[in-house]
C-alpha atoms as a PDB file:
ATOM      1  CA  UNK A   1     -70.420  21.272  24.594  1.00  0.00           C
ATOM      2  CA  UNK A   2     -67.635  18.550  23.598  1.00  0.00           C
ATOM      3  CA  UNK A   3     -64.072  18.247  25.074  1.00  0.00           C
ATOM      4  CA  UNK A   4     -61.287  15.712  25.199  1.00  0.00           C
ATOM      5  CA  UNK A   5     -57.988  15.634  26.942  1.00  0.00           C
ATOM      6  CA  UNK A   6     -54.752  15.065  25.047  1.00  0.00           C
ATOM      7  CA  UNK A   7     -50.926  15.857  25.423  1.00  0.00           C
ATOM      8  CA  UNK A   8     -48.598  18.020  23.586  1.00  0.00           C
ATOM      9  CA  UNK A   9     -46.164  15.940  21.809  1.00  0.00           C
ATOM     10  CA  UNK A  10     -43.955  18.466  19.726  1.00  0.00           C
ATOM     11  CA  UNK A  11     -40.346  19.194  21.105  1.00  0.00           C
ATOM     12  CA  UNK A  12     -40.678  22.911  21.293  1.00  0.00           C
ATOM     13  CA  UNK A  13     -44.326  22.955  23.004  1.00  0.00           C
ATOM     14  CA  UNK A  14     -47.285  24.989  21.922  1.00  0.00           C
ATOM     15  CA  UNK A  15     -44.904  28.081  20.484  1.00  0.00           C
ATOM     16  CA  UNK A  16     -45.506  30.659  18.196  1.00  0.00           C
ATOM     17  CA  UNK A  17     -45.563  28.458  14.842  1.00  0.00           C
ATOM     18  CA  UNK A  18     -48.444  26.005  16.183  1.00  0.00           C
ATOM     19  CA  UNK A  19     -50.337  28.424  17.608  1.00  0.00           C
ATOM     20  CA  UNK A  20     -50.615  30.194  14.461  1.00  0.00           C
ATOM     21  CA  UNK A  21     -51.111  27.191  12.243  1.00  0.00           C
ATOM     22  CA  UNK A  22     -54.250  26.219  15.156  1.00  0.00           C
ATOM     23  CA  UNK A  23     -55.633  29.298  15.330  1.00  0.00           C
ATOM     24  CA  UNK A  24     -55.965  29.909  11.462  1.00  0.00           C
ATOM     25  CA  UNK A  25     -57.406  26.455  11.158  1.00  0.00           C
ATOM     26  CA  UNK A  26     -59.729  26.946  14.249  1.00  0.00           C
ATOM     27  CA  UNK A  27     -60.828  30.616  12.990  1.00  0.00           C
ATOM     28  CA  UNK A  28     -62.812  28.657   9.868  1.00  0.00           C
ATOM     29  CA  UNK A  29     -65.253  27.161  12.581  1.00  0.00           C
ATOM     30  CA  UNK A  30     -68.094  29.209  13.966  1.00  0.00           C
ATOM     31  CA  UNK A  31     -67.972  27.395  17.596  1.00  0.00           C
ATOM     32  CA  UNK A  32     -65.732  28.826  20.514  1.00  0.00           C
ATOM     33  CA  UNK A  33     -62.682  26.753  21.213  1.00  0.00           C
ATOM     34  CA  UNK A  34     -60.864  26.733  24.755  1.00  0.00           C
ATOM     35  CA  UNK A  35     -57.822  25.108  25.936  1.00  0.00           C
ATOM     36  CA  UNK A  36     -57.858  24.225  29.564  1.00  0.00           C
ATOM     37  CA  UNK A  37     -54.732  24.064  31.076  1.00  0.00           C
ATOM     38  CA  UNK A  38     -53.056  24.792  34.701  1.00  0.00           C
ATOM     39  CA  UNK A  39     -56.494  25.769  35.676  1.00  0.00           C
ATOM     40  CA  UNK A  40     -56.920  28.601  33.019  1.00  0.00           C
ATOM     41  CA  UNK A  41     -59.076  28.512  30.428  1.00  0.00           C
ATOM     42  CA  UNK A  42     -57.519  29.797  27.109  1.00  0.00           C
ATOM     43  CA  UNK A  43     -59.056  31.035  23.909  1.00  0.00           C
ATOM     44  CA  UNK A  44     -58.279  28.812  21.319  1.00  0.00           C
ATOM     45  CA  UNK A  45     -58.609  31.478  18.661  1.00  0.00           C
ATOM     46  CA  UNK A  46     -56.291  33.639  20.314  1.00  0.00           C
ATOM     47  CA  UNK A  47     -52.555  33.402  19.395  1.00  0.00           C
ATOM     48  CA  UNK A  48     -51.007  35.367  21.886  1.00  0.00           C
ATOM     49  CA  UNK A  49     -53.552  33.471  24.606  1.00  0.00           C
ATOM     50  CA  UNK A  50     -52.059  30.506  23.315  1.00  0.00           C
ATOM     51  CA  UNK A  51     -48.537  31.595  23.198  1.00  0.00           C
ATOM     52  CA  UNK A  52     -48.942  33.384  27.189  1.00  0.00           C
ATOM     53  CA  UNK A  53     -49.797  29.867  28.563  1.00  0.00           C
ATOM     54  CA  UNK A  54     -46.267  28.353  28.074  1.00  0.00           C
ATOM     55  CA  UNK A  55     -47.763  25.045  26.984  1.00  0.00           C
ATOM     56  CA  UNK A  56     -44.720  23.066  26.907  1.00  0.00           C
ATOM     57  CA  UNK A  57     -43.692  19.326  25.395  1.00  0.00           C
ATOM     58  CA  UNK A  58     -45.571  16.701  27.532  1.00  0.00           C
ATOM     59  CA  UNK A  59     -48.220  18.715  28.896  1.00  0.00           C
ATOM     60  CA  UNK A  60     -51.720  17.695  29.817  1.00  0.00           C
ATOM     61  CA  UNK A  61     -54.426  19.975  27.817  1.00  0.00           C
ATOM     62  CA  UNK A  62     -58.237  19.818  27.569  1.00  0.00           C
ATOM     63  CA  UNK A  63     -59.737  21.121  24.402  1.00  0.00           C
ATOM     64  CA  UNK A  64     -63.384  22.234  24.753  1.00  0.00           C
ATOM     65  CA  UNK A  65     -65.376  23.379  21.771  1.00  0.00           C
ATOM     66  CA  UNK A  66     -69.288  24.909  21.989  1.00  0.00           C
ATOM     67  CA  UNK A  67     -71.215  25.541  18.856  1.00  0.00           C
ATOM     68  CA  UNK A  68     -72.905  24.489  15.941  1.00  0.00           C
ATOM     69  CA  UNK A  69     -69.838  22.626  14.663  1.00  0.00           C
ATOM     70  CA  UNK A  70     -68.626  22.002  17.493  1.00  0.00           C
ATOM     71  CA  UNK A  71     -67.439  18.529  16.741  1.00  0.00           C
ATOM     72  CA  UNK A  72     -65.947  18.911  13.533  1.00  0.00           C
ATOM     73  CA  UNK A  73     -63.756  21.559  15.612  1.00  0.00           C
ATOM     74  CA  UNK A  74     -62.993  19.207  18.077  1.00  0.00           C
ATOM     75  CA  UNK A  75     -61.585  16.610  15.782  1.00  0.00           C
ATOM     76  CA  UNK A  76     -59.329  18.940  13.938  1.00  0.00           C
ATOM     77  CA  UNK A  77     -58.204  20.504  16.971  1.00  0.00           C
ATOM     78  CA  UNK A  78     -57.109  16.994  18.703  1.00  0.00           C
ATOM     79  CA  UNK A  79     -55.786  15.725  15.355  1.00  0.00           C
ATOM     80  CA  UNK A  80     -53.346  18.945  15.038  1.00  0.00           C
ATOM     81  CA  UNK A  81     -52.302  18.668  18.715  1.00  0.00           C
ATOM     82  CA  UNK A  82     -51.932  14.692  18.273  1.00  0.00           C
ATOM     83  CA  UNK A  83     -49.952  14.913  14.800  1.00  0.00           C
ATOM     84  CA  UNK A  84     -47.569  17.646  16.821  1.00  0.00           C
ATOM     85  CA  UNK A  85     -48.540  20.338  14.336  1.00  0.00           C
ATOM     86  CA  UNK A  86     -46.817  18.720  11.818  1.00  0.00           C
ATOM     87  CA  UNK A  87     -43.248  19.426  13.154  1.00  0.00           C
END
């Protein structure tokens, strides 16, 4: 298992469009991904779970990946989040 803490920087937070982009990118990996936020463990391959978490700009989250390709998955997830999902 690998994990890293990061911050949501895009203005609208982790809303529908970035959640869709994120889940689509993470679905190509065999590893599991979870987002830790406010004491909750959110499935990073579920658009509905991500949106239901209401993760706003400035929120600190921890991304946790576990599986055969965990490091590549974590690296891409962190890059997407820290680039503001291209917004």
